[in-house]
Amino acid sequence: IKAPLLIGQGANDPRVKQAEADQIAFAIQKKGIPVEYVLYPDEGHGFARPDNRIDFNGRAEQFLAKHLGGRAEAFDGVEGSTAVFPLEDSLVEA
């Protein structure tokens, strides 16, 4: 992987385990490739909660505008979303 990567992961996903998403996100970050990793602790495979779906769509729009160019509507998260950011948490712990 050489291009910027956006990962949206449900912590309860039975198909793609959180450990797999963690592994690729941290490896990409270590290589210095831009990566954004959003984890939704109360989601599985696909986002069932509307607040989380809207939140991830807003984050995807920001990511695409940043890395592909173009514009995006202002976005600061969605009230009620359960999004957490494991890569940011790891920087605080380091």
C-alpha atoms as a PDB file:
ATOM      1  CA  ILE A   1       0.000   0.000   0.000  1.00  0.00           C
ATOM      2  CA  LYS A   2       1.422   3.332  -1.060  1.00  0.00           C
ATOM      3  CA  ALA A   3      -1.652   5.586  -1.234  1.00  0.00           C
ATOM      4  CA  PRO A   4      -3.430   7.229   1.721  1.00  0.00           C
ATOM      5  CA  LEU A   5      -5.820   4.817   3.446  1.00  0.00           C
ATOM      6  CA  LEU A   6      -9.096   5.321   5.317  1.00  0.00           C
ATOM      7  CA  ILE A   7     -10.262   2.451   7.523  1.00  0.00           C
ATOM      8  CA  GLY A   8     -13.718   2.285   9.094  1.00  0.00           C
ATOM      9  CA  GLN A   9     -14.024  -0.712  11.401  1.00  0.00           C
ATOM     10  CA  GLY A  10     -16.765  -2.166  13.572  1.00  0.00           C
ATOM     11  CA  ALA A  11     -15.227  -3.664  16.708  1.00  0.00           C
ATOM     12  CA  ASN A  12     -17.762  -6.526  16.644  1.00  0.00           C
ATOM     13  CA  ASP A  13     -17.240  -7.450  12.988  1.00  0.00           C
ATOM     14  CA  PRO A  14     -17.251 -11.266  12.718  1.00  0.00           C
ATOM     15  CA  ARG A  15     -15.714 -11.206   9.222  1.00  0.00           C
ATOM     16  CA  VAL A  16     -12.895  -8.681   9.622  1.00  0.00           C
ATOM     17  CA  LYS A  17     -11.549  -8.832  13.166  1.00  0.00           C
ATOM     18  CA  GLN A  18     -10.503  -5.599  14.830  1.00  0.00           C
ATOM     19  CA  ALA A  19      -7.008  -7.033  15.314  1.00  0.00           C
ATOM     20  CA  GLU A  20      -6.608  -7.225  11.527  1.00  0.00           C
ATOM     21  CA  ALA A  21      -7.660  -3.592  11.062  1.00  0.00           C
ATOM     22  CA  ASP A  22      -5.354  -2.562  13.931  1.00  0.00           C
ATOM     23  CA  GLN A  23      -2.456  -4.440  12.366  1.00  0.00           C
ATOM     24  CA  ILE A  24      -2.726  -2.816   8.949  1.00  0.00           C
ATOM     25  CA  ALA A  25      -3.430   0.668  10.335  1.00  0.00           C
ATOM     26  CA  PHE A  26      -0.395   0.651  12.634  1.00  0.00           C
ATOM     27  CA  ALA A  27       1.855  -0.861   9.943  1.00  0.00           C
ATOM     28  CA  ILE A  28       0.836   1.793   7.398  1.00  0.00           C
ATOM     29  CA  GLN A  29       1.345   4.545   9.970  1.00  0.00           C
ATOM     30  CA  LYS A  30       4.797   3.176  10.811  1.00  0.00           C
ATOM     31  CA  LYS A  31       5.736   3.395   7.101  1.00  0.00           C
ATOM     32  CA  GLY A  32       4.787   7.080   7.081  1.00  0.00           C
ATOM     33  CA  ILE A  33       1.852   6.610   4.706  1.00  0.00           C
ATOM     34  CA  PRO A  34      -1.191   8.751   5.585  1.00  0.00           C
ATOM     35  CA  VAL A  35      -3.800   6.592   7.301  1.00  0.00           C
ATOM     36  CA  GLU A  36      -6.993   7.449   9.142  1.00  0.00           C
ATOM     37  CA  TYR A  37      -8.528   4.716  11.265  1.00  0.00           C
ATOM     38  CA  VAL A  38     -12.002   5.095  12.760  1.00  0.00           C
ATOM     39  CA  LEU A  39     -13.291   2.371  15.071  1.00  0.00           C
ATOM     40  CA  TYR A  40     -16.931   2.050  16.078  1.00  0.00           C
ATOM     41  CA  PRO A  41     -17.048  -0.110  19.251  1.00  0.00           C
ATOM     42  CA  ASP A  42     -20.754  -0.926  18.945  1.00  0.00           C
ATOM     43  CA  GLU A  43     -20.807  -1.937  15.270  1.00  0.00           C
ATOM     44  CA  GLY A  44     -20.271  -5.139  13.346  1.00  0.00           C
ATOM     45  CA  HIS A  45     -19.749  -5.712   9.621  1.00  0.00           C
ATOM     46  CA  GLY A  46     -21.379  -2.611   8.183  1.00  0.00           C
ATOM     47  CA  PHE A  47     -22.637   0.263  10.266  1.00  0.00           C
ATOM     48  CA  ALA A  48     -26.173  -0.313  11.594  1.00  0.00           C
ATOM     49  CA  ARG A  49     -26.529   2.792  13.766  1.00  0.00           C
ATOM     50  CA  PRO A  50     -27.544   5.862  11.704  1.00  0.00           C
ATOM     51  CA  ASP A  51     -25.307   8.198  13.756  1.00  0.00           C
ATOM     52  CA  ASN A  52     -22.284   6.042  12.950  1.00  0.00           C
ATOM     53  CA  ARG A  53     -23.166   5.754   9.251  1.00  0.00           C
ATOM     54  CA  ILE A  54     -23.523   9.520   8.930  1.00  0.00           C
ATOM     55  CA  ASP A  55     -20.303  10.024  10.895  1.00  0.00           C
ATOM     56  CA  PHE A  56     -18.287   7.707   8.676  1.00  0.00           C
ATOM     57  CA  ASN A  57     -19.724   9.201   5.484  1.00  0.00           C
ATOM     58  CA  GLY A  58     -18.673  12.658   6.669  1.00  0.00           C
ATOM     59  CA  ARG A  59     -15.184  11.417   7.501  1.00  0.00           C
ATOM     60  CA  ALA A  60     -14.921   9.719   4.095  1.00  0.00           C
ATOM     61  CA  GLU A  61     -15.925  12.953   2.359  1.00  0.00           C
ATOM     62  CA  GLN A  62     -13.227  14.881   4.271  1.00  0.00           C
ATOM     63  CA  PHE A  63     -10.626  12.190   3.520  1.00  0.00           C
ATOM     64  CA  LEU A  64     -11.390  12.148  -0.207  1.00  0.00           C
ATOM     65  CA  ALA A  65     -11.358  15.941  -0.471  1.00  0.00           C
ATOM     66  CA  LYS A  66      -8.017  16.070   1.355  1.00  0.00           C
ATOM     67  CA  HIS A  67      -6.285  13.370  -0.670  1.00  0.00           C
ATOM     68  CA  LEU A  68      -7.949  13.666  -4.082  1.00  0.00           C
ATOM     69  CA  GLY A  69      -8.638  17.378  -4.123  1.00  0.00           C
ATOM     70  CA  GLY A  70     -11.971  19.053  -4.343  1.00  0.00           C
ATOM     71  CA  ARG A  71     -14.232  20.335  -1.662  1.00  0.00           C
ATOM     72  CA  ALA A  72     -16.158  18.940   1.239  1.00  0.00           C
ATOM     73  CA  GLU A  73     -18.836  20.229   3.532  1.00  0.00           C
ATOM     74  CA  ALA A  74     -17.585  21.287   6.967  1.00  0.00           C
ATOM     75  CA  PHE A  75     -17.629  18.307   9.320  1.00  0.00           C
ATOM     76  CA  ASP A  76     -16.877  17.929  13.011  1.00  0.00           C
ATOM     77  CA  GLY A  77     -18.286  14.527  13.848  1.00  0.00           C
ATOM     78  CA  VAL A  78     -21.851  13.506  14.637  1.00  0.00           C
ATOM     79  CA  GLU A  79     -23.421  13.779  18.067  1.00  0.00           C
ATOM     80  CA  GLY A  80     -24.349  10.260  19.119  1.00  0.00           C
ATOM     81  CA  SER A  81     -21.623   8.594  17.091  1.00  0.00           C
ATOM     82  CA  THR A  82     -19.369   6.184  18.977  1.00  0.00           C
ATOM     83  CA  ALA A  83     -16.278   6.822  16.803  1.00  0.00           C
ATOM     84  CA  VAL A  84     -12.887   6.331  18.463  1.00  0.00           C
ATOM     85  CA  PHE A  85      -9.443   6.767  16.936  1.00  0.00           C
ATOM     86  CA  PRO A  86      -6.921   4.058  17.895  1.00  0.00           C
ATOM     87  CA  LEU A  87      -4.018   5.684  16.024  1.00  0.00           C
ATOM     88  CA  GLU A  88      -4.467   8.971  17.879  1.00  0.00           C
ATOM     89  CA  ASP A  89      -4.739   7.107  21.200  1.00  0.00           C
ATOM     90  CA  SER A  90      -1.427   5.338  20.475  1.00  0.00           C
ATOM     91  CA  LEU A  91       0.329   8.702  19.973  1.00  0.00           C
ATOM     92  CA  VAL A  92      -0.866   9.859  23.390  1.00  0.00           C
ATOM     93  CA  GLU A  93       0.409   6.666  25.026  1.00  0.00           C
ATOM     94  CA  ALA A  94       3.826   6.777  23.321  1.00  0.00           C
END
